[in-house]
Amino acid sequence: MEMKRWSDYAKYLVLADNSKAVLSGTYTRYQVFKIVKEVITNIAFTDKNTYSFEGNIYNRKITTNEAKNILDNINKCKWTNVTGKMLLVASQLKLRI
């Protein structure tokens, strides 16, 4: 089946498999992953040094360019060192993906 027909959860499972157990392949962690991905999307399309989440303001741990590369890698189900930087955002938000 072509990747463009995969569900978002199927893409997450492939990404989790490619991460060599860095990401958990459970549906619960996928739900948290979606939150982190949304925050990374916000970072990717703004030039501010901070971002907010649930009423708290955080200093960015990744650059706009890194955020865009992370999103691109997520869409390609590709795990690299850059993709791994999403863990910085997740830990800053005290979320486990």
PDB file of N, CA and C in Angstrom:
ATOM      1  N   MET A   1       0.845  -1.175   0.000  1.00  0.00           N
ATOM      2  CA  MET A   1       0.000   0.000   0.000  1.00  0.00           C
ATOM      3  C   MET A   1       0.893   1.241   0.000  1.00  0.00           C
ATOM      4  N   GLU A   2       0.489   2.253  -0.714  1.00  0.00           N
ATOM      5  CA  GLU A   2       1.251   3.491  -0.788  1.00  0.00           C
ATOM      6  C   GLU A   2       1.191   4.231   0.550  1.00  0.00           C
ATOM      7  N   MET A   3       2.295   4.884   0.879  1.00  0.00           N
ATOM      8  CA  MET A   3       2.378   5.591   2.163  1.00  0.00           C
ATOM      9  C   MET A   3       1.316   6.678   2.281  1.00  0.00           C
ATOM     10  N   LYS A   4       0.936   7.298   1.184  1.00  0.00           N
ATOM     11  CA  LYS A   4      -0.048   8.376   1.261  1.00  0.00           C
ATOM     12  C   LYS A   4      -1.419   7.864   1.706  1.00  0.00           C
ATOM     13  N   ARG A   5      -1.644   6.575   1.652  1.00  0.00           N
ATOM     14  CA  ARG A   5      -2.909   5.989   2.095  1.00  0.00           C
ATOM     15  C   ARG A   5      -2.857   5.501   3.544  1.00  0.00           C
ATOM     16  N   TRP A   6      -1.688   5.566   4.170  1.00  0.00           N
ATOM     17  CA  TRP A   6      -1.559   5.117   5.545  1.00  0.00           C
ATOM     18  C   TRP A   6      -2.259   6.094   6.485  1.00  0.00           C
ATOM     19  N   SER A   7      -2.790   5.565   7.564  1.00  0.00           N
ATOM     20  CA  SER A   7      -3.343   6.439   8.602  1.00  0.00           C
ATOM     21  C   SER A   7      -2.192   7.095   9.359  1.00  0.00           C
ATOM     22  N   ASP A   8      -2.497   8.152  10.099  1.00  0.00           N
ATOM     23  CA  ASP A   8      -1.457   8.806  10.898  1.00  0.00           C
ATOM     24  C   ASP A   8      -0.892   7.855  11.940  1.00  0.00           C
ATOM     25  N   TYR A   9      -1.733   7.006  12.505  1.00  0.00           N
ATOM     26  CA  TYR A   9      -1.260   6.043  13.495  1.00  0.00           C
ATOM     27  C   TYR A   9      -0.338   5.011  12.858  1.00  0.00           C
ATOM     28  N   ALA A  10      -0.648   4.567  11.644  1.00  0.00           N
ATOM     29  CA  ALA A  10       0.229   3.624  10.949  1.00  0.00           C
ATOM     30  C   ALA A  10       1.594   4.263  10.687  1.00  0.00           C
ATOM     31  N   LYS A  11       1.590   5.540  10.291  1.00  0.00           N
ATOM     32  CA  LYS A  11       2.860   6.242  10.077  1.00  0.00           C
ATOM     33  C   LYS A  11       3.644   6.344  11.382  1.00  0.00           C
ATOM     34  N   TYR A  12       2.927   6.599  12.479  1.00  0.00           N
ATOM     35  CA  TYR A  12       3.591   6.669  13.780  1.00  0.00           C
ATOM     36  C   TYR A  12       4.222   5.325  14.133  1.00  0.00           C
ATOM     37  N   LEU A  13       3.521   4.222  13.871  1.00  0.00           N
ATOM     38  CA  LEU A  13       4.066   2.899  14.178  1.00  0.00           C
ATOM     39  C   LEU A  13       5.338   2.619  13.383  1.00  0.00           C
ATOM     40  N   VAL A  14       5.350   3.014  12.119  1.00  0.00           N
ATOM     41  CA  VAL A  14       6.550   2.832  11.294  1.00  0.00           C
ATOM     42  C   VAL A  14       7.684   3.713  11.827  1.00  0.00           C
ATOM     43  N   LEU A  15       7.366   4.951  12.187  1.00  0.00           N
ATOM     44  CA  LEU A  15       8.371   5.850  12.763  1.00  0.00           C
ATOM     45  C   LEU A  15       8.907   5.282  14.073  1.00  0.00           C
ATOM     46  N   ALA A  16       8.011   4.756  14.915  1.00  0.00           N
ATOM     47  CA  ALA A  16       8.438   4.161  16.188  1.00  0.00           C
ATOM     48  C   ALA A  16       9.349   2.965  15.932  1.00  0.00           C
ATOM     49  N   ASP A  17       9.030   2.166  14.940  1.00  0.00           N
ATOM     50  CA  ASP A  17       9.880   1.017  14.598  1.00  0.00           C
ATOM     51  C   ASP A  17      11.234   1.484  14.086  1.00  0.00           C
ATOM     52  N   ASN A  18      11.248   2.508  13.260  1.00  0.00           N
ATOM     53  CA  ASN A  18      12.506   3.044  12.727  1.00  0.00           C
ATOM     54  C   ASN A  18      13.351   3.721  13.798  1.00  0.00           C
ATOM     55  N   SER A  19      12.717   4.135  14.898  1.00  0.00           N
ATOM     56  CA  SER A  19      13.461   4.806  15.972  1.00  0.00           C
ATOM     57  C   SER A  19      14.223   3.816  16.845  1.00  0.00           C
ATOM     58  N   LYS A  20      14.056   2.530  16.583  1.00  0.00           N
ATOM     59  CA  LYS A  20      14.739   1.476  17.355  1.00  0.00           C
ATOM     60  C   LYS A  20      14.410   1.588  18.843  1.00  0.00           C
ATOM     61  N   ALA A  21      13.117   1.648  19.127  1.00  0.00           N
ATOM     62  CA  ALA A  21      12.558   1.635  20.490  1.00  0.00           C
ATOM     63  C   ALA A  21      12.741   2.946  21.253  1.00  0.00           C
ATOM     64  N   VAL A  22      13.112   4.025  20.585  1.00  0.00           N
ATOM     65  CA  VAL A  22      13.134   5.328  21.255  1.00  0.00           C
ATOM     66  C   VAL A  22      11.696   5.782  21.478  1.00  0.00           C
ATOM     67  N   LEU A  23      10.863   5.612  20.462  1.00  0.00           N
ATOM     68  CA  LEU A  23       9.438   5.903  20.592  1.00  0.00           C
ATOM     69  C   LEU A  23       8.706   4.611  20.927  1.00  0.00           C
ATOM     70  N   SER A  24       7.682   4.724  21.749  1.00  0.00           N
ATOM     71  CA  SER A  24       6.852   3.575  22.083  1.00  0.00           C
ATOM     72  C   SER A  24       5.749   3.441  21.039  1.00  0.00           C
ATOM     73  N   GLY A  25       5.421   2.226  20.671  1.00  0.00           N
ATOM     74  CA  GLY A  25       4.421   1.993  19.633  1.00  0.00           C
ATOM     75  C   GLY A  25       3.007   1.840  20.151  1.00  0.00           C
ATOM     76  N   THR A  26       2.716   2.351  21.324  1.00  0.00           N
ATOM     77  CA  THR A  26       1.366   2.204  21.870  1.00  0.00           C
ATOM     78  C   THR A  26       0.462   3.351  21.422  1.00  0.00           C
ATOM     79  N   TYR A  27      -0.834   3.113  21.461  1.00  0.00           N
ATOM     80  CA  TYR A  27      -1.779   4.152  21.054  1.00  0.00           C
ATOM     81  C   TYR A  27      -1.772   5.317  22.037  1.00  0.00           C
ATOM     82  N   THR A  28      -1.582   5.023  23.313  1.00  0.00           N
ATOM     83  CA  THR A  28      -1.525   6.084  24.322  1.00  0.00           C
ATOM     84  C   THR A  28      -0.368   7.027  24.040  1.00  0.00           C
ATOM     85  N   ARG A  29       0.803   6.476  23.722  1.00  0.00           N
ATOM     86  CA  ARG A  29       1.961   7.315  23.404  1.00  0.00           C
ATOM     87  C   ARG A  29       1.756   8.052  22.087  1.00  0.00           C
ATOM     88  N   TYR A  30       1.005   7.450  21.171  1.00  0.00           N
ATOM     89  CA  TYR A  30       0.686   8.130  19.914  1.00  0.00           C
ATOM     90  C   TYR A  30      -0.123   9.394  20.190  1.00  0.00           C
ATOM     91  N   GLN A  31      -1.060   9.318  21.128  1.00  0.00           N
ATOM     92  CA  GLN A  31      -1.867  10.486  21.481  1.00  0.00           C
ATOM     93  C   GLN A  31      -0.977  11.608  22.017  1.00  0.00           C
ATOM     94  N   VAL A  32       0.010  11.265  22.827  1.00  0.00           N
ATOM     95  CA  VAL A  32       0.956  12.250  23.355  1.00  0.00           C
ATOM     96  C   VAL A  32       1.843  12.771  22.226  1.00  0.00           C
ATOM     97  N   PHE A  33       2.248  11.886  21.333  1.00  0.00           N
ATOM     98  CA  PHE A  33       3.050  12.268  20.174  1.00  0.00           C
ATOM     99  C   PHE A  33       2.345  13.344  19.353  1.00  0.00           C
ATOM    100  N   LYS A  34       1.033  13.215  19.172  1.00  0.00           N
ATOM    101  CA  LYS A  34       0.273  14.202  18.410  1.00  0.00           C
ATOM    102  C   LYS A  34       0.342  15.576  19.064  1.00  0.00           C
ATOM    103  N   ILE A  35       0.340  15.619  20.384  1.00  0.00           N
ATOM    104  CA  ILE A  35       0.449  16.897  21.101  1.00  0.00           C
ATOM    105  C   ILE A  35       1.820  17.518  20.837  1.00  0.00           C
ATOM    106  N   VAL A  36       2.870  16.697  20.955  1.00  0.00           N
ATOM    107  CA  VAL A  36       4.238  17.185  20.726  1.00  0.00           C
ATOM    108  C   VAL A  36       4.389  17.638  19.278  1.00  0.00           C
ATOM    109  N   LYS A  37       3.818  16.897  18.353  1.00  0.00           N
ATOM    110  CA  LYS A  37       3.891  17.273  16.939  1.00  0.00           C
ATOM    111  C   LYS A  37       3.203  18.619  16.699  1.00  0.00           C
ATOM    112  N   GLU A  38       2.092  18.850  17.366  1.00  0.00           N
ATOM    113  CA  GLU A  38       1.382  20.129  17.227  1.00  0.00           C
ATOM    114  C   GLU A  38       2.231  21.285  17.741  1.00  0.00           C
ATOM    115  N   VAL A  39       2.923  21.087  18.862  1.00  0.00           N
ATOM    116  CA  VAL A  39       3.806  22.122  19.406  1.00  0.00           C
ATOM    117  C   VAL A  39       4.956  22.376  18.438  1.00  0.00           C
ATOM    118  N   ILE A  40       5.524  21.310  17.873  1.00  0.00           N
ATOM    119  CA  ILE A  40       6.627  21.452  16.920  1.00  0.00           C
ATOM    120  C   ILE A  40       6.139  22.187  15.672  1.00  0.00           C
ATOM    121  N   THR A  41       4.922  21.941  15.255  1.00  0.00           N
ATOM    122  CA  THR A  41       4.345  22.653  14.113  1.00  0.00           C
ATOM    123  C   THR A  41       4.259  24.142  14.419  1.00  0.00           C
ATOM    124  N   ASN A  42       3.847  24.476  15.617  1.00  0.00           N
ATOM    125  CA  ASN A  42       3.785  25.890  16.012  1.00  0.00           C
ATOM    126  C   ASN A  42       5.173  26.516  16.007  1.00  0.00           C
ATOM    127  N   ILE A  43       6.164  25.790  16.479  1.00  0.00           N
ATOM    128  CA  ILE A  43       7.541  26.297  16.496  1.00  0.00           C
ATOM    129  C   ILE A  43       8.054  26.494  15.066  1.00  0.00           C
ATOM    130  N   ALA A  44       7.685  25.584  14.177  1.00  0.00           N
ATOM    131  CA  ALA A  44       8.189  25.621  12.801  1.00  0.00           C
ATOM    132  C   ALA A  44       7.715  26.845  12.033  1.00  0.00           C
ATOM    133  N   PHE A  45       6.586  27.388  12.426  1.00  0.00           N
ATOM    134  CA  PHE A  45       6.024  28.484  11.648  1.00  0.00           C
ATOM    135  C   PHE A  45       5.944  29.791  12.433  1.00  0.00           C
ATOM    136  N   THR A  46       6.894  29.972  13.339  1.00  0.00           N
ATOM    137  CA  THR A  46       7.017  31.238  14.046  1.00  0.00           C
ATOM    138  C   THR A  46       8.492  31.512  14.290  1.00  0.00           C
ATOM    139  N   ASP A  47       8.841  32.776  14.440  1.00  0.00           N
ATOM    140  CA  ASP A  47      10.236  33.128  14.700  1.00  0.00           C
ATOM    141  C   ASP A  47      10.444  33.592  16.138  1.00  0.00           C
ATOM    142  N   LYS A  48       9.456  33.407  16.985  1.00  0.00           N
ATOM    143  CA  LYS A  48       9.586  33.801  18.385  1.00  0.00           C
ATOM    144  C   LYS A  48      10.541  32.856  19.114  1.00  0.00           C
ATOM    145  N   ASN A  49      11.165  33.346  20.182  1.00  0.00           N
ATOM    146  CA  ASN A  49      12.083  32.536  20.981  1.00  0.00           C
ATOM    147  C   ASN A  49      11.366  31.710  22.034  1.00  0.00           C
ATOM    148  N   THR A  50      10.060  31.937  22.171  1.00  0.00           N
ATOM    149  CA  THR A  50       9.281  31.211  23.165  1.00  0.00           C
ATOM    150  C   THR A  50       8.021  30.644  22.514  1.00  0.00           C
ATOM    151  N   TYR A  51       7.393  29.712  23.217  1.00  0.00           N
ATOM    152  CA  TYR A  51       6.102  29.186  22.795  1.00  0.00           C
ATOM    153  C   TYR A  51       5.301  28.872  24.050  1.00  0.00           C
ATOM    154  N   SER A  52       3.997  28.766  23.903  1.00  0.00           N
ATOM    155  CA  SER A  52       3.166  28.473  25.070  1.00  0.00           C
ATOM    156  C   SER A  52       2.481  27.125  24.893  1.00  0.00           C
ATOM    157  N   PHE A  53       2.239  26.489  26.027  1.00  0.00           N
ATOM    158  CA  PHE A  53       1.541  25.209  26.056  1.00  0.00           C
ATOM    159  C   PHE A  53       0.806  25.112  27.377  1.00  0.00           C
ATOM    160  N   GLU A  54      -0.491  24.942  27.289  1.00  0.00           N
ATOM    161  CA  GLU A  54      -1.357  24.828  28.466  1.00  0.00           C
ATOM    162  C   GLU A  54      -1.122  25.955  29.472  1.00  0.00           C
ATOM    163  N   GLY A  55      -1.006  27.170  28.971  1.00  0.00           N
ATOM    164  CA  GLY A  55      -0.872  28.336  29.828  1.00  0.00           C
ATOM    165  C   GLY A  55       0.538  28.617  30.322  1.00  0.00           C
ATOM    166  N   ASN A  56       1.492  27.759  30.010  1.00  0.00           N
ATOM    167  CA  ASN A  56       2.889  27.971  30.416  1.00  0.00           C
ATOM    168  C   ASN A  56       3.695  28.446  29.211  1.00  0.00           C
ATOM    169  N   ILE A  57       4.678  29.283  29.466  1.00  0.00           N
ATOM    170  CA  ILE A  57       5.555  29.782  28.407  1.00  0.00           C
ATOM    171  C   ILE A  57       6.915  29.114  28.543  1.00  0.00           C
ATOM    172  N   TYR A  58       7.430  28.602  27.415  1.00  0.00           N
ATOM    173  CA  TYR A  58       8.697  27.883  27.392  1.00  0.00           C
ATOM    174  C   TYR A  58       9.655  28.540  26.407  1.00  0.00           C
ATOM    175  N   ASN A  59      10.948  28.481  26.708  1.00  0.00           N
ATOM    176  CA  ASN A  59      11.974  28.872  25.747  1.00  0.00           C
ATOM    177  C   ASN A  59      12.166  27.721  24.774  1.00  0.00           C
ATOM    178  N   ARG A  60      12.327  28.040  23.506  1.00  0.00           N
ATOM    179  CA  ARG A  60      12.475  26.998  22.481  1.00  0.00           C
ATOM    180  C   ARG A  60      13.783  26.245  22.649  1.00  0.00           C
ATOM    181  N   LYS A  61      13.722  24.928  22.507  1.00  0.00           N
ATOM    182  CA  LYS A  61      14.907  24.078  22.544  1.00  0.00           C
ATOM    183  C   LYS A  61      15.385  23.713  21.144  1.00  0.00           C
ATOM    184  N   ILE A  62      14.549  23.996  20.140  1.00  0.00           N
ATOM    185  CA  ILE A  62      14.906  23.706  18.754  1.00  0.00           C
ATOM    186  C   ILE A  62      14.656  24.947  17.899  1.00  0.00           C
ATOM    187  N   THR A  63      15.355  25.014  16.787  1.00  0.00           N
ATOM    188  CA  THR A  63      15.198  26.144  15.880  1.00  0.00           C
ATOM    189  C   THR A  63      14.008  25.916  14.947  1.00  0.00           C
ATOM    190  N   THR A  64      13.633  26.970  14.240  1.00  0.00           N
ATOM    191  CA  THR A  64      12.556  26.861  13.263  1.00  0.00           C
ATOM    192  C   THR A  64      12.923  25.852  12.181  1.00  0.00           C
ATOM    193  N   ASN A  65      14.151  25.902  11.719  1.00  0.00           N
ATOM    194  CA  ASN A  65      14.601  24.986  10.669  1.00  0.00           C
ATOM    195  C   ASN A  65      14.585  23.540  11.159  1.00  0.00           C
ATOM    196  N   GLU A  66      15.039  23.304  12.393  1.00  0.00           N
ATOM    197  CA  GLU A  66      15.011  21.950  12.952  1.00  0.00           C
ATOM    198  C   GLU A  66      13.572  21.453  13.074  1.00  0.00           C
ATOM    199  N   ALA A  67      12.675  22.327  13.487  1.00  0.00           N
ATOM    200  CA  ALA A  67      11.268  21.944  13.613  1.00  0.00           C
ATOM    201  C   ALA A  67      10.696  21.530  12.253  1.00  0.00           C
ATOM    202  N   LYS A  68      11.023  22.281  11.217  1.00  0.00           N
ATOM    203  CA  LYS A  68      10.550  21.924   9.876  1.00  0.00           C
ATOM    204  C   LYS A  68      11.138  20.599   9.417  1.00  0.00           C
ATOM    205  N   ASN A  69      12.418  20.368   9.718  1.00  0.00           N
ATOM    206  CA  ASN A  69      13.047  19.093   9.361  1.00  0.00           C
ATOM    207  C   ASN A  69      12.427  17.929  10.132  1.00  0.00           C
ATOM    208  N   ILE A  70      12.098  18.152  11.397  1.00  0.00           N
ATOM    209  CA  ILE A  70      11.440  17.111  12.199  1.00  0.00           C
ATOM    210  C   ILE A  70      10.097  16.756  11.572  1.00  0.00           C
ATOM    211  N   LEU A  71       9.313  17.761  11.210  1.00  0.00           N
ATOM    212  CA  LEU A  71       8.009  17.507  10.596  1.00  0.00           C
ATOM    213  C   LEU A  71       8.146  16.769   9.268  1.00  0.00           C
ATOM    214  N   ASP A  72       9.147  17.145   8.483  1.00  0.00           N
ATOM    215  CA  ASP A  72       9.398  16.467   7.211  1.00  0.00           C
ATOM    216  C   ASP A  72       9.760  15.003   7.454  1.00  0.00           C
ATOM    217  N   ASN A  73      10.634  14.749   8.437  1.00  0.00           N
ATOM    218  CA  ASN A  73      11.025  13.375   8.752  1.00  0.00           C
ATOM    219  C   ASN A  73       9.850  12.561   9.282  1.00  0.00           C
ATOM    220  N   ILE A  74       8.985  13.188  10.065  1.00  0.00           N
ATOM    221  CA  ILE A  74       7.801  12.489  10.572  1.00  0.00           C
ATOM    222  C   ILE A  74       6.923  12.066   9.395  1.00  0.00           C
ATOM    223  N   ASN A  75       6.731  12.961   8.444  1.00  0.00           N
ATOM    224  CA  ASN A  75       5.902  12.631   7.284  1.00  0.00           C
ATOM    225  C   ASN A  75       6.507  11.525   6.430  1.00  0.00           C
ATOM    226  N   LYS A  76       7.831  11.416   6.445  1.00  0.00           N
ATOM    227  CA  LYS A  76       8.516  10.367   5.682  1.00  0.00           C
ATOM    228  C   LYS A  76       8.779   9.114   6.521  1.00  0.00           C
ATOM    229  N   CYS A  77       8.354   9.139   7.796  1.00  0.00           N
ATOM    230  CA  CYS A  77       8.587   8.025   8.736  1.00  0.00           C
ATOM    231  C   CYS A  77      10.075   7.724   8.861  1.00  0.00           C
ATOM    232  N   LYS A  78      10.873   8.769   8.896  1.00  0.00           N
ATOM    233  CA  LYS A  78      12.330   8.665   8.900  1.00  0.00           C
ATOM    234  C   LYS A  78      12.863   9.111  10.261  1.00  0.00           C
ATOM    235  N   TRP A  79      13.692   8.279  10.901  1.00  0.00           N
ATOM    236  CA  TRP A  79      14.267   8.624  12.199  1.00  0.00           C
ATOM    237  C   TRP A  79      15.729   8.998  12.016  1.00  0.00           C
ATOM    238  N   THR A  80      16.078  10.215  12.409  1.00  0.00           N
ATOM    239  CA  THR A  80      17.464  10.688  12.360  1.00  0.00           C
ATOM    240  C   THR A  80      17.758  11.402  13.675  1.00  0.00           C
ATOM    241  N   ASN A  81      18.980  11.906  13.801  1.00  0.00           N
ATOM    242  CA  ASN A  81      19.321  12.692  14.989  1.00  0.00           C
ATOM    243  C   ASN A  81      18.448  13.945  15.098  1.00  0.00           C
ATOM    244  N   VAL A  82      18.115  14.524  13.959  1.00  0.00           N
ATOM    245  CA  VAL A  82      17.258  15.704  13.960  1.00  0.00           C
ATOM    246  C   VAL A  82      15.858  15.322  14.446  1.00  0.00           C
ATOM    247  N   THR A  83      15.332  14.205  13.958  1.00  0.00           N
ATOM    248  CA  THR A  83      14.016  13.750  14.404  1.00  0.00           C
ATOM    249  C   THR A  83      14.023  13.518  15.911  1.00  0.00           C
ATOM    250  N   GLY A  84      15.126  13.018  16.418  1.00  0.00           N
ATOM    251  CA  GLY A  84      15.259  12.750  17.850  1.00  0.00           C
ATOM    252  C   GLY A  84      15.163  13.995  18.713  1.00  0.00           C
ATOM    253  N   LYS A  85      15.349  15.171  18.094  1.00  0.00           N
ATOM    254  CA  LYS A  85      15.252  16.408  18.864  1.00  0.00           C
ATOM    255  C   LYS A  85      13.833  16.691  19.325  1.00  0.00           C
ATOM    256  N   MET A  86      12.860  15.958  18.781  1.00  0.00           N
ATOM    257  CA  MET A  86      11.495  16.122  19.273  1.00  0.00           C
ATOM    258  C   MET A  86      11.400  15.687  20.734  1.00  0.00           C
ATOM    259  N   LEU A  87      12.326  14.855  21.164  1.00  0.00           N
ATOM    260  CA  LEU A  87      12.353  14.418  22.559  1.00  0.00           C
ATOM    261  C   LEU A  87      12.705  15.579  23.491  1.00  0.00           C
ATOM    262  N   LEU A  88      13.474  16.552  22.998  1.00  0.00           N
ATOM    263  CA  LEU A  88      13.773  17.753  23.788  1.00  0.00           C
ATOM    264  C   LEU A  88      12.494  18.520  24.098  1.00  0.00           C
ATOM    265  N   VAL A  89      11.660  18.654  23.084  1.00  0.00           N
ATOM    266  CA  VAL A  89      10.397  19.364  23.270  1.00  0.00           C
ATOM    267  C   VAL A  89       9.490  18.570  24.213  1.00  0.00           C
ATOM    268  N   ALA A  90       9.416  17.264  23.994  1.00  0.00           N
ATOM    269  CA  ALA A  90       8.564  16.417  24.832  1.00  0.00           C
ATOM    270  C   ALA A  90       8.994  16.475  26.296  1.00  0.00           C
ATOM    271  N   SER A  91      10.295  16.407  26.540  1.00  0.00           N
ATOM    272  CA  SER A  91      10.760  16.434  27.932  1.00  0.00           C
ATOM    273  C   SER A  91      10.533  17.802  28.551  1.00  0.00           C
ATOM    274  N   GLN A  92      10.654  18.862  27.771  1.00  0.00           N
ATOM    275  CA  GLN A  92      10.397  20.204  28.280  1.00  0.00           C
ATOM    276  C   GLN A  92       8.934  20.339  28.720  1.00  0.00           C
ATOM    277  N   LEU A  93       8.043  19.667  27.990  1.00  0.00           N
ATOM    278  CA  LEU A  93       6.618  19.701  28.323  1.00  0.00           C
ATOM    279  C   LEU A  93       6.241  18.643  29.355  1.00  0.00           C
ATOM    280  N   LYS A  94       7.252  17.859  29.773  1.00  0.00           N
ATOM    281  CA  LYS A  94       7.053  16.767  30.729  1.00  0.00           C
ATOM    282  C   LYS A  94       6.103  15.707  30.176  1.00  0.00           C
ATOM    283  N   LEU A  95       6.282  15.386  28.894  1.00  0.00           N
ATOM    284  CA  LEU A  95       5.495  14.365  28.218  1.00  0.00           C
ATOM    285  C   LEU A  95       6.416  13.248  27.755  1.00  0.00           C
ATOM    286  N   ARG A  96       5.919  12.011  27.761  1.00  0.00           N
ATOM    287  CA  ARG A  96       6.700  10.872  27.294  1.00  0.00           C
ATOM    288  C   ARG A  96       6.075  10.330  26.016  1.00  0.00           C
ATOM    289  N   ILE A  97       6.891  10.276  24.970  1.00  0.00           N
ATOM    290  CA  ILE A  97       6.406   9.723  23.703  1.00  0.00           C
ATOM    291  C   ILE A  97       7.125   8.447  23.364  1.00  0.00           C
TER     292      ILE A  97
END
